[in-house]
Amino acid sequence: QVQLVESGGGVVQAGGSLRLSCAASGRTSSSYDMAWFRQAPGKEREFVADIRWSGHTYYADSVKGRFTISRDNAKNMMYLQMNSLKPADTAVYFCAAKYSLLDGYYYWGQGAQVTVSS
């Protein structure tokens, strides 16, 4: 089992920045892929970014160039630096993890609210 806990959410004005953190505990491993998803009110959960065990990163088109995903395996931490925030980025952000050889993320955090005011 892997436990994930997000932190760093809050309220920010449009154009501002926030950094989300995800702390992993339990049977953690550098062989896990990790990701950020988000869910806005009335919408389905959507992919934001992920970072593979190899270090390769992938981003949704909507955040490319504004968000940066990173991880520190020694500290069992993952981060999402969010710059140039827009009201459309308002959502609950979820941290997720999976073993690299499996498809589909199956460990989830409880979520962190990010609200961007116009």
PDB file of N, CA and C in Angstrom:
ATOM      1  N   GLN A   1       0.828  -1.208   0.000  1.00  0.00           N
ATOM      2  CA  GLN A   1       0.000   0.000   0.000  1.00  0.00           C
ATOM      3  C   GLN A   1       0.859   1.253   0.000  1.00  0.00           C
ATOM      4  N   VAL A   2       0.370   2.269  -0.689  1.00  0.00           N
ATOM      5  CA  VAL A   2       1.028   3.569  -0.724  1.00  0.00           C
ATOM      6  C   VAL A   2       0.009   4.616  -0.302  1.00  0.00           C
ATOM      7  N   GLN A   3       0.404   5.476   0.602  1.00  0.00           N
ATOM      8  CA  GLN A   3      -0.453   6.569   1.021  1.00  0.00           C
ATOM      9  C   GLN A   3       0.093   7.870   0.426  1.00  0.00           C
ATOM     10  N   LEU A   4      -0.820   8.695  -0.066  1.00  0.00           N
ATOM     11  CA  LEU A   4      -0.450   9.960  -0.694  1.00  0.00           C
ATOM     12  C   LEU A   4      -1.199  11.097  -0.012  1.00  0.00           C
ATOM     13  N   VAL A   5      -0.472  12.172   0.305  1.00  0.00           N
ATOM     14  CA  VAL A   5      -1.079  13.321   0.960  1.00  0.00           C
ATOM     15  C   VAL A   5      -0.634  14.588   0.246  1.00  0.00           C
ATOM     16  N   GLU A   6      -1.624  15.337  -0.275  1.00  0.00           N
ATOM     17  CA  GLU A   6      -1.325  16.587  -0.964  1.00  0.00           C
ATOM     18  C   GLU A   6      -1.316  17.757   0.021  1.00  0.00           C
ATOM     19  N   SER A   7      -0.571  18.781  -0.322  1.00  0.00           N
ATOM     20  CA  SER A   7      -0.568  20.023   0.453  1.00  0.00           C
ATOM     21  C   SER A   7      -0.182  21.164  -0.478  1.00  0.00           C
ATOM     22  N   GLY A   8      -0.462  22.389  -0.025  1.00  0.00           N
ATOM     23  CA  GLY A   8      -0.043  23.557  -0.787  1.00  0.00           C
ATOM     24  C   GLY A   8      -1.144  24.236  -1.572  1.00  0.00           C
ATOM     25  N   GLY A   9      -2.359  23.714  -1.493  1.00  0.00           N
ATOM     26  CA  GLY A   9      -3.453  24.376  -2.183  1.00  0.00           C
ATOM     27  C   GLY A   9      -3.820  25.693  -1.522  1.00  0.00           C
ATOM     28  N   GLY A  10      -4.694  26.455  -2.171  1.00  0.00           N
ATOM     29  CA  GLY A  10      -5.124  27.715  -1.595  1.00  0.00           C
ATOM     30  C   GLY A  10      -5.815  28.578  -2.616  1.00  0.00           C
ATOM     31  N   VAL A  11      -5.926  29.857  -2.282  1.00  0.00           N
ATOM     32  CA  VAL A  11      -6.579  30.842  -3.152  1.00  0.00           C
ATOM     33  C   VAL A  11      -5.514  31.794  -3.671  1.00  0.00           C
ATOM     34  N   VAL A  12      -5.538  32.047  -4.972  1.00  0.00           N
ATOM     35  CA  VAL A  12      -4.557  32.927  -5.595  1.00  0.00           C
ATOM     36  C   VAL A  12      -5.243  33.723  -6.695  1.00  0.00           C
ATOM     37  N   GLN A  13      -4.738  34.897  -6.957  1.00  0.00           N
ATOM     38  CA  GLN A  13      -5.296  35.704  -8.043  1.00  0.00           C
ATOM     39  C   GLN A  13      -4.784  35.213  -9.390  1.00  0.00           C
ATOM     40  N   ALA A  14      -5.545  35.472 -10.417  1.00  0.00           N
ATOM     41  CA  ALA A  14      -5.135  35.106 -11.770  1.00  0.00           C
ATOM     42  C   ALA A  14      -3.768  35.718 -12.070  1.00  0.00           C
ATOM     43  N   GLY A  15      -2.920  34.893 -12.693  1.00  0.00           N
ATOM     44  CA  GLY A  15      -1.555  35.320 -12.977  1.00  0.00           C
ATOM     45  C   GLY A  15      -0.560  34.943 -11.905  1.00  0.00           C
ATOM     46  N   GLY A  16      -1.070  34.499 -10.767  1.00  0.00           N
ATOM     47  CA  GLY A  16      -0.210  34.131  -9.649  1.00  0.00           C
ATOM     48  C   GLY A  16       0.322  32.716  -9.759  1.00  0.00           C
ATOM     49  N   SER A  17       1.022  32.297  -8.696  1.00  0.00           N
ATOM     50  CA  SER A  17       1.656  30.979  -8.670  1.00  0.00           C
ATOM     51  C   SER A  17       1.332  30.247  -7.376  1.00  0.00           C
ATOM     52  N   LEU A  18       1.345  28.919  -7.460  1.00  0.00           N
ATOM     53  CA  LEU A  18       1.221  28.045  -6.302  1.00  0.00           C
ATOM     54  C   LEU A  18       2.085  26.823  -6.555  1.00  0.00           C
ATOM     55  N   ARG A  19       2.541  26.197  -5.467  1.00  0.00           N
ATOM     56  CA  ARG A  19       3.239  24.921  -5.601  1.00  0.00           C
ATOM     57  C   ARG A  19       2.536  23.881  -4.744  1.00  0.00           C
ATOM     58  N   LEU A  20       2.104  22.814  -5.401  1.00  0.00           N
ATOM     59  CA  LEU A  20       1.511  21.685  -4.697  1.00  0.00           C
ATOM     60  C   LEU A  20       2.589  20.657  -4.384  1.00  0.00           C
ATOM     61  N   SER A  21       2.435  20.032  -3.243  1.00  0.00           N
ATOM     62  CA  SER A  21       3.338  18.954  -2.841  1.00  0.00           C
ATOM     63  C   SER A  21       2.532  17.686  -2.603  1.00  0.00           C
ATOM     64  N   CYS A  22       3.161  16.552  -2.845  1.00  0.00           N
ATOM     65  CA  CYS A  22       2.541  15.252  -2.586  1.00  0.00           C
ATOM     66  C   CYS A  22       3.556  14.411  -1.826  1.00  0.00           C
ATOM     67  N   ALA A  23       3.201  14.041  -0.609  1.00  0.00           N
ATOM     68  CA  ALA A  23       4.063  13.202   0.218  1.00  0.00           C
ATOM     69  C   ALA A  23       3.599  11.757   0.120  1.00  0.00           C
ATOM     70  N   ALA A  24       4.507  10.869  -0.238  1.00  0.00           N
ATOM     71  CA  ALA A  24       4.195   9.450  -0.356  1.00  0.00           C
ATOM     72  C   ALA A  24       4.773   8.686   0.819  1.00  0.00           C
ATOM     73  N   SER A  25       4.030   7.716   1.311  1.00  0.00           N
ATOM     74  CA  SER A  25       4.517   6.869   2.389  1.00  0.00           C
ATOM     75  C   SER A  25       4.004   5.444   2.175  1.00  0.00           C
ATOM     76  N   GLY A  26       4.557   4.513   2.937  1.00  0.00           N
ATOM     77  CA  GLY A  26       4.181   3.119   2.777  1.00  0.00           C
ATOM     78  C   GLY A  26       5.180   2.423   1.865  1.00  0.00           C
ATOM     79  N   ARG A  27       4.696   1.567   0.991  1.00  0.00           N
ATOM     80  CA  ARG A  27       5.566   0.791   0.107  1.00  0.00           C
ATOM     81  C   ARG A  27       5.939   1.607  -1.125  1.00  0.00           C
ATOM     82  N   THR A  28       6.630   2.718  -0.885  1.00  0.00           N
ATOM     83  CA  THR A  28       7.016   3.583  -1.981  1.00  0.00           C
ATOM     84  C   THR A  28       8.206   3.006  -2.735  1.00  0.00           C
ATOM     85  N   SER A  29       8.368   3.448  -3.960  1.00  0.00           N
ATOM     86  CA  SER A  29       9.459   2.942  -4.782  1.00  0.00           C
ATOM     87  C   SER A  29       9.749   3.931  -5.886  1.00  0.00           C
ATOM     88  N   SER A  30      11.011   4.037  -6.274  1.00  0.00           N
ATOM     89  CA  SER A  30      11.357   4.890  -7.404  1.00  0.00           C
ATOM     90  C   SER A  30      10.847   4.286  -8.710  1.00  0.00           C
ATOM     91  N   SER A  31      10.347   3.053  -8.679  1.00  0.00           N
ATOM     92  CA  SER A  31       9.787   2.413  -9.871  1.00  0.00           C
ATOM     93  C   SER A  31       8.326   2.785 -10.100  1.00  0.00           C
ATOM     94  N   TYR A  32       7.818   3.698  -9.304  1.00  0.00           N
ATOM     95  CA  TYR A  32       6.445   4.153  -9.482  1.00  0.00           C
ATOM     96  C   TYR A  32       6.404   5.367 -10.403  1.00  0.00           C
ATOM     97  N   ASP A  33       5.405   5.393 -11.278  1.00  0.00           N
ATOM     98  CA  ASP A  33       5.056   6.614 -11.997  1.00  0.00           C
ATOM     99  C   ASP A  33       4.143   7.419 -11.080  1.00  0.00           C
ATOM    100  N   MET A  34       4.231   8.737 -11.176  1.00  0.00           N
ATOM    101  CA  MET A  34       3.380   9.587 -10.347  1.00  0.00           C
ATOM    102  C   MET A  34       2.762  10.677 -11.205  1.00  0.00           C
ATOM    103  N   ALA A  35       1.612  11.157 -10.774  1.00  0.00           N
ATOM    104  CA  ALA A  35       0.859  12.092 -11.615  1.00  0.00           C
ATOM    105  C   ALA A  35       0.024  13.049 -10.792  1.00  0.00           C
ATOM    106  N   TRP A  36      -0.391  14.102 -11.447  1.00  0.00           N
ATOM    107  CA  TRP A  36      -1.383  15.033 -10.919  1.00  0.00           C
ATOM    108  C   TRP A  36      -2.609  15.003 -11.836  1.00  0.00           C
ATOM    109  N   PHE A  37      -3.762  14.915 -11.220  1.00  0.00           N
ATOM    110  CA  PHE A  37      -5.040  15.048 -11.901  1.00  0.00           C
ATOM    111  C   PHE A  37      -5.801  16.184 -11.217  1.00  0.00           C
ATOM    112  N   ARG A  38      -6.855  16.651 -11.864  1.00  0.00           N
ATOM    113  CA  ARG A  38      -7.689  17.666 -11.234  1.00  0.00           C
ATOM    114  C   ARG A  38      -9.145  17.451 -11.620  1.00  0.00           C
ATOM    115  N   GLN A  39     -10.014  17.959 -10.752  1.00  0.00           N
ATOM    116  CA  GLN A  39     -11.447  17.859 -11.012  1.00  0.00           C
ATOM    117  C   GLN A  39     -12.111  19.168 -10.625  1.00  0.00           C
ATOM    118  N   ALA A  40     -12.693  19.816 -11.620  1.00  0.00           N
ATOM    119  CA  ALA A  40     -13.422  21.059 -11.402  1.00  0.00           C
ATOM    120  C   ALA A  40     -14.883  20.735 -11.090  1.00  0.00           C
ATOM    121  N   PRO A  41     -15.590  21.647 -10.424  1.00  0.00           N
ATOM    122  CA  PRO A  41     -16.993  21.398 -10.090  1.00  0.00           C
ATOM    123  C   PRO A  41     -17.811  21.061 -11.327  1.00  0.00           C
ATOM    124  N   GLY A  42     -18.558  19.961 -11.262  1.00  0.00           N
ATOM    125  CA  GLY A  42     -19.417  19.568 -12.355  1.00  0.00           C
ATOM    126  C   GLY A  42     -18.706  18.941 -13.539  1.00  0.00           C
ATOM    127  N   LYS A  43     -17.403  18.710 -13.406  1.00  0.00           N
ATOM    128  CA  LYS A  43     -16.637  18.118 -14.515  1.00  0.00           C
ATOM    129  C   LYS A  43     -15.978  16.823 -14.074  1.00  0.00           C
ATOM    130  N   GLU A  44     -15.546  16.043 -15.044  1.00  0.00           N
ATOM    131  CA  GLU A  44     -14.859  14.801 -14.734  1.00  0.00           C
ATOM    132  C   GLU A  44     -13.396  15.085 -14.388  1.00  0.00           C
ATOM    133  N   ARG A  45     -12.807  14.132 -13.664  1.00  0.00           N
ATOM    134  CA  ARG A  45     -11.408  14.250 -13.333  1.00  0.00           C
ATOM    135  C   ARG A  45     -10.586  14.212 -14.615  1.00  0.00           C
ATOM    136  N   GLU A  46      -9.564  15.075 -14.715  1.00  0.00           N
ATOM    137  CA  GLU A  46      -8.747  15.124 -15.910  1.00  0.00           C
ATOM    138  C   GLU A  46      -7.259  15.085 -15.567  1.00  0.00           C
ATOM    139  N   PHE A  47      -6.505  14.550 -16.491  1.00  0.00           N
ATOM    140  CA  PHE A  47      -5.059  14.453 -16.355  1.00  0.00           C
ATOM    141  C   PHE A  47      -4.439  15.842 -16.451  1.00  0.00           C
ATOM    142  N   VAL A  48      -3.449  16.107 -15.596  1.00  0.00           N
ATOM    143  CA  VAL A  48      -2.716  17.373 -15.633  1.00  0.00           C
ATOM    144  C   VAL A  48      -1.273  17.128 -16.095  1.00  0.00           C
ATOM    145  N   ALA A  49      -0.571  16.254 -15.391  1.00  0.00           N
ATOM    146  CA  ALA A  49       0.832  15.984 -15.713  1.00  0.00           C
ATOM    147  C   ALA A  49       1.259  14.709 -15.022  1.00  0.00           C
ATOM    148  N   ASP A  50       2.257  14.030 -15.597  1.00  0.00           N
ATOM    149  CA  ASP A  50       2.854  12.931 -14.861  1.00  0.00           C
ATOM    150  C   ASP A  50       4.354  12.874 -15.081  1.00  0.00           C
ATOM    151  N   ILE A  51       4.997  12.161 -14.164  1.00  0.00           N
ATOM    152  CA  ILE A  51       6.446  11.999 -14.213  1.00  0.00           C
ATOM    153  C   ILE A  51       6.724  10.513 -14.010  1.00  0.00           C
ATOM    154  N   ARG A  52       7.342   9.896 -14.997  1.00  0.00           N
ATOM    155  CA  ARG A  52       7.594   8.464 -14.958  1.00  0.00           C
ATOM    156  C   ARG A  52       8.793   8.143 -14.069  1.00  0.00           C
ATOM    157  N   TRP A  53       8.938   6.867 -13.767  1.00  0.00           N
ATOM    158  CA  TRP A  53      10.066   6.451 -12.928  1.00  0.00           C
ATOM    159  C   TRP A  53      11.378   6.855 -13.579  1.00  0.00           C
ATOM    160  N   SER A  54      11.375   6.953 -14.927  1.00  0.00           N
ATOM    161  CA  SER A  54      12.577   7.309 -15.674  1.00  0.00           C
ATOM    162  C   SER A  54      12.898   8.801 -15.602  1.00  0.00           C
ATOM    163  N   GLY A  55      11.927   9.584 -15.148  1.00  0.00           N
ATOM    164  CA  GLY A  55      12.098  11.027 -15.114  1.00  0.00           C
ATOM    165  C   GLY A  55      11.401  11.749 -16.260  1.00  0.00           C
ATOM    166  N   HIS A  56      10.924  11.000 -17.267  1.00  0.00           N
ATOM    167  CA  HIS A  56      10.200  11.636 -18.362  1.00  0.00           C
ATOM    168  C   HIS A  56       8.902  12.251 -17.844  1.00  0.00           C
ATOM    169  N   THR A  57       8.581  13.402 -18.417  1.00  0.00           N
ATOM    170  CA  THR A  57       7.387  14.120 -17.985  1.00  0.00           C
ATOM    171  C   THR A  57       6.429  14.331 -19.152  1.00  0.00           C
ATOM    172  N   TYR A  58       5.144  14.393 -18.822  1.00  0.00           N
ATOM    173  CA  TYR A  58       4.100  14.614 -19.812  1.00  0.00           C
ATOM    174  C   TYR A  58       3.105  15.602 -19.227  1.00  0.00           C
ATOM    175  N   TYR A  59       2.570  16.463 -20.086  1.00  0.00           N
ATOM    176  CA  TYR A  59       1.651  17.499 -19.635  1.00  0.00           C
ATOM    177  C   TYR A  59       0.403  17.545 -20.512  1.00  0.00           C
ATOM    178  N   ALA A  60      -0.708  17.912 -19.899  1.00  0.00           N
ATOM    179  CA  ALA A  60      -1.903  18.235 -20.675  1.00  0.00           C
ATOM    180  C   ALA A  60      -1.630  19.527 -21.445  1.00  0.00           C
ATOM    181  N   ASP A  61      -2.214  19.625 -22.615  1.00  0.00           N
ATOM    182  CA  ASP A  61      -1.994  20.829 -23.437  1.00  0.00           C
ATOM    183  C   ASP A  61      -2.407  22.095 -22.695  1.00  0.00           C
ATOM    184  N   SER A  62      -3.420  21.987 -21.862  1.00  0.00           N
ATOM    185  CA  SER A  62      -3.946  23.165 -21.178  1.00  0.00           C
ATOM    186  C   SER A  62      -2.978  23.756 -20.162  1.00  0.00           C
ATOM    187  N   VAL A  63      -1.987  22.983 -19.726  1.00  0.00           N
ATOM    188  CA  VAL A  63      -1.052  23.482 -18.705  1.00  0.00           C
ATOM    189  C   VAL A  63       0.388  23.549 -19.205  1.00  0.00           C
ATOM    190  N   LYS A  64       0.613  23.052 -20.403  1.00  0.00           N
ATOM    191  CA  LYS A  64       1.975  23.016 -20.934  1.00  0.00           C
ATOM    192  C   LYS A  64       2.564  24.433 -20.991  1.00  0.00           C
ATOM    193  N   GLY A  65       3.784  24.562 -20.503  1.00  0.00           N
ATOM    194  CA  GLY A  65       4.437  25.858 -20.490  1.00  0.00           C
ATOM    195  C   GLY A  65       4.151  26.684 -19.243  1.00  0.00           C
ATOM    196  N   ARG A  66       3.166  26.278 -18.457  1.00  0.00           N
ATOM    197  CA  ARG A  66       2.818  27.016 -17.233  1.00  0.00           C
ATOM    198  C   ARG A  66       3.082  26.186 -15.975  1.00  0.00           C
ATOM    199  N   PHE A  67       2.898  24.897 -16.061  1.00  0.00           N
ATOM    200  CA  PHE A  67       3.070  23.992 -14.917  1.00  0.00           C
ATOM    201  C   PHE A  67       4.328  23.164 -15.103  1.00  0.00           C
ATOM    202  N   THR A  68       4.976  22.838 -13.980  1.00  0.00           N
ATOM    203  CA  THR A  68       6.154  21.981 -13.998  1.00  0.00           C
ATOM    204  C   THR A  68       6.022  20.913 -12.921  1.00  0.00           C
ATOM    205  N   ILE A  69       6.126  19.652 -13.335  1.00  0.00           N
ATOM    206  CA  ILE A  69       6.063  18.527 -12.398  1.00  0.00           C
ATOM    207  C   ILE A  69       7.477  18.070 -12.083  1.00  0.00           C
ATOM    208  N   SER A  70       7.716  17.692 -10.833  1.00  0.00           N
ATOM    209  CA  SER A  70       9.034  17.200 -10.437  1.00  0.00           C
ATOM    210  C   SER A  70       8.866  16.231  -9.279  1.00  0.00           C
ATOM    211  N   ARG A  71       9.921  15.483  -8.998  1.00  0.00           N
ATOM    212  CA  ARG A  71       9.872  14.536  -7.881  1.00  0.00           C
ATOM    213  C   ARG A  71      11.233  14.452  -7.225  1.00  0.00           C
ATOM    214  N   ASP A  72      11.224  14.106  -5.945  1.00  0.00           N
ATOM    215  CA  ASP A  72      12.451  13.883  -5.183  1.00  0.00           C
ATOM    216  C   ASP A  72      12.311  12.493  -4.559  1.00  0.00           C
ATOM    217  N   ASN A  73      12.892  11.498  -5.210  1.00  0.00           N
ATOM    218  CA  ASN A  73      12.721  10.120  -4.758  1.00  0.00           C
ATOM    219  C   ASN A  73      13.317   9.897  -3.364  1.00  0.00           C
ATOM    220  N   ALA A  74      14.385  10.607  -3.047  1.00  0.00           N
ATOM    221  CA  ALA A  74      15.013  10.433  -1.730  1.00  0.00           C
ATOM    222  C   ALA A  74      14.072  10.864  -0.607  1.00  0.00           C
ATOM    223  N   LYS A  75      13.215  11.838  -0.899  1.00  0.00           N
ATOM    224  CA  LYS A  75      12.277  12.346   0.108  1.00  0.00           C
ATOM    225  C   LYS A  75      10.870  11.794  -0.083  1.00  0.00           C
ATOM    226  N   ASN A  76      10.666  10.959  -1.107  1.00  0.00           N
ATOM    227  CA  ASN A  76       9.329  10.439  -1.422  1.00  0.00           C
ATOM    228  C   ASN A  76       8.329  11.578  -1.622  1.00  0.00           C
ATOM    229  N   MET A  77       8.741  12.563  -2.389  1.00  0.00           N
ATOM    230  CA  MET A  77       7.908  13.743  -2.632  1.00  0.00           C
ATOM    231  C   MET A  77       7.735  13.978  -4.128  1.00  0.00           C
ATOM    232  N   MET A  78       6.592  14.547  -4.476  1.00  0.00           N
ATOM    233  CA  MET A  78       6.339  15.006  -5.839  1.00  0.00           C
ATOM    234  C   MET A  78       5.782  16.418  -5.733  1.00  0.00           C
ATOM    235  N   TYR A  79       6.042  17.231  -6.750  1.00  0.00           N
ATOM    236  CA  TYR A  79       5.630  18.626  -6.719  1.00  0.00           C
ATOM    237  C   TYR A  79       4.965  19.025  -8.028  1.00  0.00           C
ATOM    238  N   LEU A  80       4.149  20.059  -7.948  1.00  0.00           N
ATOM    239  CA  LEU A  80       3.586  20.676  -9.145  1.00  0.00           C
ATOM    240  C   LEU A  80       3.706  22.184  -8.967  1.00  0.00           C
ATOM    241  N   GLN A  81       4.619  22.781  -9.699  1.00  0.00           N
ATOM    242  CA  GLN A  81       4.756  24.230  -9.699  1.00  0.00           C
ATOM    243  C   GLN A  81       3.809  24.794 -10.741  1.00  0.00           C
ATOM    244  N   MET A  82       2.898  25.653 -10.299  1.00  0.00           N
ATOM    245  CA  MET A  82       1.874  26.199 -11.185  1.00  0.00           C
ATOM    246  C   MET A  82       2.068  27.711 -11.292  1.00  0.00           C
ATOM    247  N   ASN A  83       2.374  28.164 -12.494  1.00  0.00           N
ATOM    248  CA  ASN A  83       2.582  29.592 -12.755  1.00  0.00           C
ATOM    249  C   ASN A  83       1.525  30.098 -13.717  1.00  0.00           C
ATOM    250  N   SER A  84       1.381  31.404 -13.788  1.00  0.00           N
ATOM    251  CA  SER A  84       0.416  32.035 -14.705  1.00  0.00           C
ATOM    252  C   SER A  84      -0.957  31.404 -14.566  1.00  0.00           C
ATOM    253  N   LEU A  85      -1.402  31.256 -13.345  1.00  0.00           N
ATOM    254  CA  LEU A  85      -2.665  30.573 -13.089  1.00  0.00           C
ATOM    255  C   LEU A  85      -3.847  31.336 -13.652  1.00  0.00           C
ATOM    256  N   LYS A  86      -4.838  30.575 -14.104  1.00  0.00           N
ATOM    257  CA  LYS A  86      -6.053  31.122 -14.698  1.00  0.00           C
ATOM    258  C   LYS A  86      -7.259  30.651 -13.883  1.00  0.00           C
ATOM    259  N   PRO A  87      -8.362  31.385 -13.937  1.00  0.00           N
ATOM    260  CA  PRO A  87      -9.575  30.893 -13.253  1.00  0.00           C
ATOM    261  C   PRO A  87      -9.974  29.490 -13.695  1.00  0.00           C
ATOM    262  N   ALA A  88      -9.684  29.128 -14.940  1.00  0.00           N
ATOM    263  CA  ALA A  88     -10.013  27.794 -15.445  1.00  0.00           C
ATOM    264  C   ALA A  88      -9.195  26.693 -14.765  1.00  0.00           C
ATOM    265  N   ASP A  89      -8.138  27.070 -14.043  1.00  0.00           N
ATOM    266  CA  ASP A  89      -7.340  26.085 -13.311  1.00  0.00           C
ATOM    267  C   ASP A  89      -7.953  25.742 -11.950  1.00  0.00           C
ATOM    268  N   THR A  90      -9.012  26.433 -11.582  1.00  0.00           N
ATOM    269  CA  THR A  90      -9.677  26.164 -10.309  1.00  0.00           C
ATOM    270  C   THR A  90     -10.221  24.742 -10.291  1.00  0.00           C
ATOM    271  N   ALA A  91      -9.812  23.970  -9.289  1.00  0.00           N
ATOM    272  CA  ALA A  91     -10.201  22.567  -9.200  1.00  0.00           C
ATOM    273  C   ALA A  91      -9.633  21.967  -7.921  1.00  0.00           C
ATOM    274  N   VAL A  92     -10.062  20.753  -7.639  1.00  0.00           N
ATOM    275  CA  VAL A  92      -9.391  19.940  -6.625  1.00  0.00           C
ATOM    276  C   VAL A  92      -8.304  19.152  -7.347  1.00  0.00           C
ATOM    277  N   TYR A  93      -7.089  19.260  -6.851  1.00  0.00           N
ATOM    278  CA  TYR A  93      -5.946  18.594  -7.467  1.00  0.00           C
ATOM    279  C   TYR A  93      -5.600  17.342  -6.677  1.00  0.00           C
ATOM    280  N   PHE A  94      -5.446  16.229  -7.406  1.00  0.00           N
ATOM    281  CA  PHE A  94      -5.180  14.932  -6.801  1.00  0.00           C
ATOM    282  C   PHE A  94      -3.812  14.418  -7.215  1.00  0.00           C
ATOM    283  N   CYS A  95      -3.122  13.884  -6.260  1.00  0.00           N
ATOM    284  CA  CYS A  95      -1.863  13.197  -6.491  1.00  0.00           C
ATOM    285  C   CYS A  95      -2.172  11.715  -6.735  1.00  0.00           C
ATOM    286  N   ALA A  96      -1.453  11.071  -7.658  1.00  0.00           N
ATOM    287  CA  ALA A  96      -1.711   9.670  -7.966  1.00  0.00           C
ATOM    288  C   ALA A  96      -0.398   8.935  -8.218  1.00  0.00           C
ATOM    289  N   ALA A  97      -0.425   7.629  -8.031  1.00  0.00           N
ATOM    290  CA  ALA A  97       0.780   6.824  -8.252  1.00  0.00           C
ATOM    291  C   ALA A  97       0.402   5.442  -8.759  1.00  0.00           C
ATOM    292  N   LYS A  98       1.336   4.811  -9.462  1.00  0.00           N
ATOM    293  CA  LYS A  98       1.152   3.429  -9.927  1.00  0.00           C
ATOM    294  C   LYS A  98       2.507   2.815 -10.179  1.00  0.00           C
ATOM    295  N   TYR A  99       2.556   1.512 -10.127  1.00  0.00           N
ATOM    296  CA  TYR A  99       3.766   0.797 -10.506  1.00  0.00           C
ATOM    297  C   TYR A  99       3.964   1.001 -12.003  1.00  0.00           C
ATOM    298  N   SER A 100       5.203   1.239 -12.424  1.00  0.00           N
ATOM    299  CA  SER A 100       5.470   1.661 -13.792  1.00  0.00           C
ATOM    300  C   SER A 100       5.023   0.653 -14.845  1.00  0.00           C
ATOM    301  N   LEU A 101       4.995  -0.644 -14.519  1.00  0.00           N
ATOM    302  CA  LEU A 101       4.652  -1.656 -15.529  1.00  0.00           C
ATOM    303  C   LEU A 101       3.152  -1.879 -15.655  1.00  0.00           C
ATOM    304  N   LEU A 102       2.375  -1.211 -14.817  1.00  0.00           N
ATOM    305  CA  LEU A 102       0.928  -1.375 -14.866  1.00  0.00           C
ATOM    306  C   LEU A 102       0.275  -0.146 -15.484  1.00  0.00           C
ATOM    307  N   ASP A 103      -0.904  -0.340 -16.064  1.00  0.00           N
ATOM    308  CA  ASP A 103      -1.656   0.754 -16.651  1.00  0.00           C
ATOM    309  C   ASP A 103      -2.679   1.279 -15.652  1.00  0.00           C
ATOM    310  N   GLY A 104      -2.908   2.575 -15.704  1.00  0.00           N
ATOM    311  CA  GLY A 104      -3.951   3.148 -14.853  1.00  0.00           C
ATOM    312  C   GLY A 104      -3.483   3.442 -13.453  1.00  0.00           C
ATOM    313  N   TYR A 105      -3.677   4.664 -13.017  1.00  0.00           N
ATOM    314  CA  TYR A 105      -3.273   5.049 -11.668  1.00  0.00           C
ATOM    315  C   TYR A 105      -4.259   4.498 -10.655  1.00  0.00           C
ATOM    316  N   TYR A 106      -3.729   3.940  -9.547  1.00  0.00           N
ATOM    317  CA  TYR A 106      -4.620   3.292  -8.590  1.00  0.00           C
ATOM    318  C   TYR A 106      -4.377   3.685  -7.143  1.00  0.00           C
ATOM    319  N   TYR A 107      -3.353   4.478  -6.883  1.00  0.00           N
ATOM    320  CA  TYR A 107      -3.196   5.084  -5.561  1.00  0.00           C
ATOM    321  C   TYR A 107      -3.531   6.570  -5.706  1.00  0.00           C
ATOM    322  N   TRP A 108      -4.387   7.057  -4.785  1.00  0.00           N
ATOM    323  CA  TRP A 108      -4.860   8.434  -4.886  1.00  0.00           C
ATOM    324  C   TRP A 108      -4.771   9.125  -3.538  1.00  0.00           C
ATOM    325  N   GLY A 109      -4.459  10.432  -3.598  1.00  0.00           N
ATOM    326  CA  GLY A 109      -4.537  11.251  -2.399  1.00  0.00           C
ATOM    327  C   GLY A 109      -5.951  11.765  -2.212  1.00  0.00           C
ATOM    328  N   GLN A 110      -6.144  12.543  -1.162  1.00  0.00           N
ATOM    329  CA  GLN A 110      -7.486  13.024  -0.832  1.00  0.00           C
ATOM    330  C   GLN A 110      -7.838  14.303  -1.565  1.00  0.00           C
ATOM    331  N   GLY A 111      -6.846  14.951  -2.166  1.00  0.00           N
ATOM    332  CA  GLY A 111      -7.094  16.151  -2.953  1.00  0.00           C
ATOM    333  C   GLY A 111      -6.775  17.436  -2.224  1.00  0.00           C
ATOM    334  N   ALA A 112      -6.412  18.456  -2.993  1.00  0.00           N
ATOM    335  CA  ALA A 112      -6.135  19.782  -2.459  1.00  0.00           C
ATOM    336  C   ALA A 112      -6.839  20.818  -3.326  1.00  0.00           C
ATOM    337  N   GLN A 113      -7.560  21.723  -2.687  1.00  0.00           N
ATOM    338  CA  GLN A 113      -8.331  22.717  -3.442  1.00  0.00           C
ATOM    339  C   GLN A 113      -7.424  23.843  -3.906  1.00  0.00           C
ATOM    340  N   VAL A 114      -7.529  24.165  -5.178  1.00  0.00           N
ATOM    341  CA  VAL A 114      -6.859  25.336  -5.752  1.00  0.00           C
ATOM    342  C   VAL A 114      -7.940  26.231  -6.342  1.00  0.00           C
ATOM    343  N   THR A 115      -7.982  27.466  -5.891  1.00  0.00           N
ATOM    344  CA  THR A 115      -8.971  28.426  -6.381  1.00  0.00           C
ATOM    345  C   THR A 115      -8.244  29.637  -6.939  1.00  0.00           C
ATOM    346  N   VAL A 116      -8.528  29.943  -8.202  1.00  0.00           N
ATOM    347  CA  VAL A 116      -7.905  31.086  -8.863  1.00  0.00           C
ATOM    348  C   VAL A 116      -8.988  32.132  -9.105  1.00  0.00           C
ATOM    349  N   SER A 117      -8.834  33.284  -8.497  1.00  0.00           N
ATOM    350  CA  SER A 117      -9.832  34.342  -8.631  1.00  0.00           C
ATOM    351  C   SER A 117      -9.441  35.288  -9.757  1.00  0.00           C
ATOM    352  N   SER A 118     -10.462  35.828 -10.408  1.00  0.00           N
ATOM    353  CA  SER A 118     -10.218  36.728 -11.549  1.00  0.00           C
ATOM    354  C   SER A 118     -10.116  38.173 -11.096  1.00  0.00           C
TER     355      SER A 118
END
